[in-house]
Amino acid sequence: MTLLLQYTLIFASVLILVALGGCFAEHSGVINLGLEGIMIMGALGGALTMRYLPPDVSAIVIILSVILVAAAVGMLYSCLLAVACINFKADQTLVGTALNLLVGAITTFLLYLLFGLRGKLVDNRLMSLTKINLPLIRDIPFIGRVLENLTIIDYLSYIIAVILFVYLYKTVAGFRTLSVGINKAAAESPGT
């Protein structure tokens, strides 16, 4: 049971970050169904960055580079949705679904083109983040075991979820964001 909860928290943290982006977009009036594709393209960009960085680079530079490149690749991929919906007046739902289907083909093609692989990229140069064991939490009988192998990204995703909740539902700027998602004319009203 402990192991199941531990892996649920680890795998959920990445999905929480993506869902928070989608939640923020949804509350501001944009339906982004291409989130899965954006996440996968960002992961591919980050993995390729880590693979091609020189081995003598420090771990902090590698981590920051991977995060920045993954975010940049995800943003560039999401620009496809923006261009299709804004410039070409395409339906957000259709474009988001198409982008999710397209990303599987793109990643498979790039992995085959670059490495001759037909599955996943497995390389001993790819490293994971360091696990954080907080001293006070580690000593709690059941909870300590569940939280013992989380990384900084895992903890940050849960903290960001709480911060975004407070922002959206407890601040004036958050209420304005919510009102734009409900009524787009609210964004054009004077005084905003």
C-alpha atoms as a PDB file:
ATOM      1  CA  MET A   1       0.000   0.000   0.000  1.00  0.00           C
ATOM      2  CA  THR A   2       2.830   2.380   0.855  1.00  0.00           C
ATOM      3  CA  LEU A   3       4.565   1.721  -2.453  1.00  0.00           C
ATOM      4  CA  LEU A   4       1.350   2.312  -4.391  1.00  0.00           C
ATOM      5  CA  LEU A   5       0.786   5.693  -2.712  1.00  0.00           C
ATOM      6  CA  GLN A   6       4.433   6.612  -3.202  1.00  0.00           C
ATOM      7  CA  TYR A   7       4.337   5.969  -6.953  1.00  0.00           C
ATOM      8  CA  THR A   8       0.958   7.681  -7.219  1.00  0.00           C
ATOM      9  CA  LEU A   9       2.456  10.854  -5.751  1.00  0.00           C
ATOM     10  CA  ILE A  10       5.535  10.620  -7.984  1.00  0.00           C
ATOM     11  CA  PHE A  11       3.643  10.118 -11.244  1.00  0.00           C
ATOM     12  CA  ALA A  12       0.853  12.520 -10.304  1.00  0.00           C
ATOM     13  CA  SER A  13       3.206  15.447  -9.751  1.00  0.00           C
ATOM     14  CA  VAL A  14       4.034  15.796 -13.445  1.00  0.00           C
ATOM     15  CA  LEU A  15       0.380  15.537 -14.393  1.00  0.00           C
ATOM     16  CA  ILE A  16      -0.511  18.089 -11.727  1.00  0.00           C
ATOM     17  CA  LEU A  17       1.812  20.654 -13.304  1.00  0.00           C
ATOM     18  CA  VAL A  18       0.226  20.090 -16.711  1.00  0.00           C
ATOM     19  CA  ALA A  19      -3.283  20.152 -15.241  1.00  0.00           C
ATOM     20  CA  LEU A  20      -2.535  23.416 -13.437  1.00  0.00           C
ATOM     21  CA  GLY A  21      -1.553  25.005 -16.733  1.00  0.00           C
ATOM     22  CA  GLY A  22      -4.741  23.693 -18.294  1.00  0.00           C
ATOM     23  CA  CYS A  23      -6.793  24.896 -15.310  1.00  0.00           C
ATOM     24  CA  PHE A  24      -5.339  28.377 -15.552  1.00  0.00           C
ATOM     25  CA  ALA A  25      -5.983  28.478 -19.298  1.00  0.00           C
ATOM     26  CA  GLU A  26      -9.502  27.119 -18.896  1.00  0.00           C
ATOM     27  CA  HIS A  27     -10.398  29.684 -16.248  1.00  0.00           C
ATOM     28  CA  SER A  28      -9.181  32.445 -18.547  1.00  0.00           C
ATOM     29  CA  GLY A  29     -11.369  31.207 -21.402  1.00  0.00           C
ATOM     30  CA  VAL A  30      -8.984  29.043 -23.467  1.00  0.00           C
ATOM     31  CA  ILE A  31      -9.629  25.331 -23.986  1.00  0.00           C
ATOM     32  CA  ASN A  32      -6.272  23.636 -24.464  1.00  0.00           C
ATOM     33  CA  LEU A  33      -6.701  19.965 -25.237  1.00  0.00           C
ATOM     34  CA  GLY A  34      -3.136  19.780 -26.563  1.00  0.00           C
ATOM     35  CA  LEU A  35      -1.630  19.618 -23.069  1.00  0.00           C
ATOM     36  CA  GLU A  36      -0.542  16.001 -23.411  1.00  0.00           C
ATOM     37  CA  GLY A  37       1.250  16.780 -26.657  1.00  0.00           C
ATOM     38  CA  ILE A  38       2.938  19.811 -25.118  1.00  0.00           C
ATOM     39  CA  MET A  39       4.086  17.696 -22.181  1.00  0.00           C
ATOM     40  CA  ILE A  40       5.484  14.938 -24.408  1.00  0.00           C
ATOM     41  CA  MET A  41       7.291  17.373 -26.719  1.00  0.00           C
ATOM     42  CA  GLY A  42       8.784  19.128 -23.689  1.00  0.00           C
ATOM     43  CA  ALA A  43       9.931  15.788 -22.293  1.00  0.00           C
ATOM     44  CA  LEU A  44      11.508  14.863 -25.622  1.00  0.00           C
ATOM     45  CA  GLY A  45      13.293  18.230 -25.780  1.00  0.00           C
ATOM     46  CA  GLY A  46      14.552  17.801 -22.221  1.00  0.00           C
ATOM     47  CA  ALA A  47      15.753  14.229 -22.802  1.00  0.00           C
ATOM     48  CA  LEU A  48      17.573  15.206 -26.000  1.00  0.00           C
ATOM     49  CA  THR A  49      19.181  18.155 -24.225  1.00  0.00           C
ATOM     50  CA  MET A  50      20.444  15.907 -21.442  1.00  0.00           C
ATOM     51  CA  ARG A  51      21.673  13.359 -23.961  1.00  0.00           C
ATOM     52  CA  TYR A  52      23.698  15.883 -25.954  1.00  0.00           C
ATOM     53  CA  LEU A  53      25.154  17.975 -23.117  1.00  0.00           C
ATOM     54  CA  PRO A  54      28.871  17.346 -22.496  1.00  0.00           C
ATOM     55  CA  PRO A  55      29.520  14.878 -19.648  1.00  0.00           C
ATOM     56  CA  ASP A  56      31.775  17.293 -17.729  1.00  0.00           C
ATOM     57  CA  VAL A  57      28.970  19.813 -17.096  1.00  0.00           C
ATOM     58  CA  SER A  58      27.806  20.166 -13.488  1.00  0.00           C
ATOM     59  CA  ALA A  59      24.523  18.607 -12.413  1.00  0.00           C
ATOM     60  CA  ILE A  60      22.854  21.940 -11.645  1.00  0.00           C
ATOM     61  CA  VAL A  61      23.644  23.250 -15.136  1.00  0.00           C
ATOM     62  CA  ILE A  62      22.243  20.063 -16.653  1.00  0.00           C
ATOM     63  CA  ILE A  63      19.031  20.299 -14.617  1.00  0.00           C
ATOM     64  CA  LEU A  64      18.491  23.978 -15.400  1.00  0.00           C
ATOM     65  CA  SER A  65      19.262  23.449 -19.083  1.00  0.00           C
ATOM     66  CA  VAL A  66      16.857  20.530 -19.323  1.00  0.00           C
ATOM     67  CA  ILE A  67      14.056  22.453 -17.593  1.00  0.00           C
ATOM     68  CA  LEU A  68      14.557  25.549 -19.763  1.00  0.00           C
ATOM     69  CA  VAL A  69      14.742  23.598 -23.019  1.00  0.00           C
ATOM     70  CA  ALA A  70      11.743  21.443 -22.100  1.00  0.00           C
ATOM     71  CA  ALA A  71       9.716  24.562 -21.305  1.00  0.00           C
ATOM     72  CA  ALA A  72      10.843  26.277 -24.529  1.00  0.00           C
ATOM     73  CA  VAL A  73      10.002  23.245 -26.681  1.00  0.00           C
ATOM     74  CA  GLY A  74       6.603  22.936 -24.977  1.00  0.00           C
ATOM     75  CA  MET A  75       5.909  26.628 -25.586  1.00  0.00           C
ATOM     76  CA  LEU A  76       6.928  26.388 -29.239  1.00  0.00           C
ATOM     77  CA  TYR A  77       4.698  23.355 -29.710  1.00  0.00           C
ATOM     78  CA  SER A  78       1.809  25.156 -28.029  1.00  0.00           C
ATOM     79  CA  CYS A  79       2.279  28.020 -30.493  1.00  0.00           C
ATOM     80  CA  LEU A  80       0.901  25.632 -33.130  1.00  0.00           C
ATOM     81  CA  LEU A  81      -2.394  25.646 -31.236  1.00  0.00           C
ATOM     82  CA  ALA A  82      -2.338  29.427 -30.912  1.00  0.00           C
ATOM     83  CA  VAL A  83      -1.590  30.031 -34.594  1.00  0.00           C
ATOM     84  CA  ALA A  84      -4.214  27.547 -35.750  1.00  0.00           C
ATOM     85  CA  CYS A  85      -6.917  28.928 -33.448  1.00  0.00           C
ATOM     86  CA  ILE A  86      -6.156  32.651 -33.623  1.00  0.00           C
ATOM     87  CA  ASN A  87      -4.836  33.169 -37.146  1.00  0.00           C
ATOM     88  CA  PHE A  88      -6.763  30.463 -38.975  1.00  0.00           C
ATOM     89  CA  LYS A  89      -9.882  30.482 -36.739  1.00  0.00           C
ATOM     90  CA  ALA A  90      -9.738  26.704 -36.230  1.00  0.00           C
ATOM     91  CA  ASP A  91     -11.731  24.983 -33.490  1.00  0.00           C
ATOM     92  CA  GLN A  92      -9.697  24.656 -30.252  1.00  0.00           C
ATOM     93  CA  THR A  93     -10.984  21.159 -29.538  1.00  0.00           C
ATOM     94  CA  LEU A  94     -10.095  19.785 -32.951  1.00  0.00           C
ATOM     95  CA  VAL A  95      -6.652  21.368 -33.061  1.00  0.00           C
ATOM     96  CA  GLY A  96      -5.813  20.199 -29.531  1.00  0.00           C
ATOM     97  CA  THR A  97      -6.845  16.642 -30.346  1.00  0.00           C
ATOM     98  CA  ALA A  98      -4.902  16.717 -33.615  1.00  0.00           C
ATOM     99  CA  LEU A  99      -1.783  17.986 -31.830  1.00  0.00           C
ATOM    100  CA  ASN A 100      -2.040  15.160 -29.308  1.00  0.00           C
ATOM    101  CA  LEU A 101      -2.215  12.638 -32.150  1.00  0.00           C
ATOM    102  CA  LEU A 102       0.613  14.354 -34.045  1.00  0.00           C
ATOM    103  CA  VAL A 103       3.035  14.273 -31.126  1.00  0.00           C
ATOM    104  CA  GLY A 104       3.149  10.470 -31.075  1.00  0.00           C
ATOM    105  CA  ALA A 105       4.213  10.401 -34.700  1.00  0.00           C
ATOM    106  CA  ILE A 106       6.745  13.213 -34.250  1.00  0.00           C
ATOM    107  CA  THR A 107       8.478  11.630 -31.259  1.00  0.00           C
ATOM    108  CA  THR A 108       8.567   8.193 -32.887  1.00  0.00           C
ATOM    109  CA  PHE A 109       9.994   9.676 -36.082  1.00  0.00           C
ATOM    110  CA  LEU A 110      12.634  11.754 -34.270  1.00  0.00           C
ATOM    111  CA  LEU A 111      13.771   8.837 -32.110  1.00  0.00           C
ATOM    112  CA  TYR A 112      14.122   6.662 -35.192  1.00  0.00           C
ATOM    113  CA  LEU A 113      15.845   9.419 -37.180  1.00  0.00           C
ATOM    114  CA  LEU A 114      18.328  10.360 -34.439  1.00  0.00           C
ATOM    115  CA  PHE A 115      18.999   7.023 -32.746  1.00  0.00           C
ATOM    116  CA  GLY A 116      17.463   4.290 -34.869  1.00  0.00           C
ATOM    117  CA  LEU A 117      15.097   3.447 -31.984  1.00  0.00           C
ATOM    118  CA  ARG A 118      11.546   2.255 -32.404  1.00  0.00           C
ATOM    119  CA  GLY A 119      10.545   2.494 -28.748  1.00  0.00           C
ATOM    120  CA  LYS A 120      11.754   4.553 -25.842  1.00  0.00           C
ATOM    121  CA  LEU A 121      15.054   6.340 -25.337  1.00  0.00           C
ATOM    122  CA  VAL A 122      17.131   4.492 -22.749  1.00  0.00           C
ATOM    123  CA  ASP A 123      20.590   5.849 -22.099  1.00  0.00           C
ATOM    124  CA  ASN A 124      22.854   5.736 -19.067  1.00  0.00           C
ATOM    125  CA  ARG A 125      23.658   9.441 -19.589  1.00  0.00           C
ATOM    126  CA  LEU A 126      20.058  10.348 -18.688  1.00  0.00           C
ATOM    127  CA  MET A 127      19.889  11.055 -14.971  1.00  0.00           C
ATOM    128  CA  SER A 128      17.068  11.607 -12.526  1.00  0.00           C
ATOM    129  CA  LEU A 129      16.666  14.251  -9.855  1.00  0.00           C
ATOM    130  CA  THR A 130      17.908  13.621  -6.335  1.00  0.00           C
ATOM    131  CA  LYS A 131      15.357  12.250  -3.891  1.00  0.00           C
ATOM    132  CA  ILE A 132      14.625  14.465  -0.907  1.00  0.00           C
ATOM    133  CA  ASN A 133      14.073  12.933   2.509  1.00  0.00           C
ATOM    134  CA  LEU A 134      12.897  15.617   4.926  1.00  0.00           C
ATOM    135  CA  PRO A 135      14.059  14.791   8.475  1.00  0.00           C
ATOM    136  CA  LEU A 136      10.808  15.638  10.292  1.00  0.00           C
ATOM    137  CA  ILE A 137       8.543  13.911   7.788  1.00  0.00           C
ATOM    138  CA  ARG A 138      10.775  10.841   7.490  1.00  0.00           C
ATOM    139  CA  ASP A 139      10.141   9.930  11.142  1.00  0.00           C
ATOM    140  CA  ILE A 140       6.319   9.861  10.824  1.00  0.00           C
ATOM    141  CA  PRO A 141       5.377   6.137  10.659  1.00  0.00           C
ATOM    142  CA  PHE A 142       3.219   5.773   7.521  1.00  0.00           C
ATOM    143  CA  ILE A 143       3.549   9.197   5.891  1.00  0.00           C
ATOM    144  CA  GLY A 144       7.339   9.153   6.106  1.00  0.00           C
ATOM    145  CA  ARG A 145       7.492   5.990   4.002  1.00  0.00           C
ATOM    146  CA  VAL A 146       5.085   7.427   1.416  1.00  0.00           C
ATOM    147  CA  LEU A 147       7.006  10.710   1.052  1.00  0.00           C
ATOM    148  CA  GLU A 148      10.557   9.357   1.223  1.00  0.00           C
ATOM    149  CA  ASN A 149      11.387   9.228  -2.508  1.00  0.00           C
ATOM    150  CA  LEU A 150       9.952  12.507  -3.781  1.00  0.00           C
ATOM    151  CA  THR A 151      12.059  15.033  -5.707  1.00  0.00           C
ATOM    152  CA  ILE A 152      12.007  18.814  -5.616  1.00  0.00           C
ATOM    153  CA  ILE A 153       9.683  18.820  -8.662  1.00  0.00           C
ATOM    154  CA  ASP A 154       7.220  16.587  -6.796  1.00  0.00           C
ATOM    155  CA  TYR A 155       7.133  18.875  -3.769  1.00  0.00           C
ATOM    156  CA  LEU A 156       6.962  22.007  -5.954  1.00  0.00           C
ATOM    157  CA  SER A 157       4.014  20.695  -7.947  1.00  0.00           C
ATOM    158  CA  TYR A 158       1.936  20.290  -4.789  1.00  0.00           C
ATOM    159  CA  ILE A 159       3.025  23.688  -3.463  1.00  0.00           C
ATOM    160  CA  ILE A 160       2.209  25.355  -6.798  1.00  0.00           C
ATOM    161  CA  ALA A 161      -1.240  23.724  -6.752  1.00  0.00           C
ATOM    162  CA  VAL A 162      -1.991  25.341  -3.386  1.00  0.00           C
ATOM    163  CA  ILE A 163      -0.594  28.710  -4.536  1.00  0.00           C
ATOM    164  CA  LEU A 164      -2.680  28.650  -7.711  1.00  0.00           C
ATOM    165  CA  PHE A 165      -5.803  27.788  -5.714  1.00  0.00           C
ATOM    166  CA  VAL A 166      -5.180  30.736  -3.392  1.00  0.00           C
ATOM    167  CA  TYR A 167      -4.473  33.014  -6.355  1.00  0.00           C
ATOM    168  CA  LEU A 168      -7.612  32.067  -8.289  1.00  0.00           C
ATOM    169  CA  TYR A 169     -10.088  31.983  -5.401  1.00  0.00           C
ATOM    170  CA  LYS A 170      -8.679  34.368  -2.789  1.00  0.00           C
ATOM    171  CA  THR A 171      -7.216  37.338  -4.723  1.00  0.00           C
ATOM    172  CA  VAL A 172      -8.715  40.124  -6.803  1.00  0.00           C
ATOM    173  CA  ALA A 173      -6.521  39.255  -9.791  1.00  0.00           C
ATOM    174  CA  GLY A 174      -7.669  35.651  -9.546  1.00  0.00           C
ATOM    175  CA  PHE A 175     -11.319  36.686  -9.520  1.00  0.00           C
ATOM    176  CA  ARG A 176     -10.664  38.787 -12.609  1.00  0.00           C
ATOM    177  CA  THR A 177      -9.114  35.789 -14.333  1.00  0.00           C
ATOM    178  CA  LEU A 178     -12.133  33.681 -13.437  1.00  0.00           C
ATOM    179  CA  SER A 179     -14.532  36.361 -14.655  1.00  0.00           C
ATOM    180  CA  VAL A 180     -12.825  36.489 -18.053  1.00  0.00           C
ATOM    181  CA  GLY A 181     -13.313  32.722 -18.394  1.00  0.00           C
ATOM    182  CA  ILE A 182     -17.001  33.081 -17.593  1.00  0.00           C
ATOM    183  CA  ASN A 183     -17.676  36.233 -19.620  1.00  0.00           C
ATOM    184  CA  LYS A 184     -15.149  37.370 -22.237  1.00  0.00           C
ATOM    185  CA  ALA A 185     -16.707  40.848 -22.283  1.00  0.00           C
ATOM    186  CA  ALA A 186     -15.439  41.268 -18.700  1.00  0.00           C
ATOM    187  CA  ALA A 187     -11.891  41.560 -20.051  1.00  0.00           C
ATOM    188  CA  GLU A 188     -12.888  44.534 -22.156  1.00  0.00           C
ATOM    189  CA  SER A 189     -14.767  46.385 -19.408  1.00  0.00           C
ATOM    190  CA  PRO A 190     -13.283  49.628 -18.096  1.00  0.00           C
ATOM    191  CA  GLY A 191     -11.237  49.491 -14.937  1.00  0.00           C
ATOM    192  CA  THR A 192      -9.663  46.074 -15.496  1.00  0.00           C
END
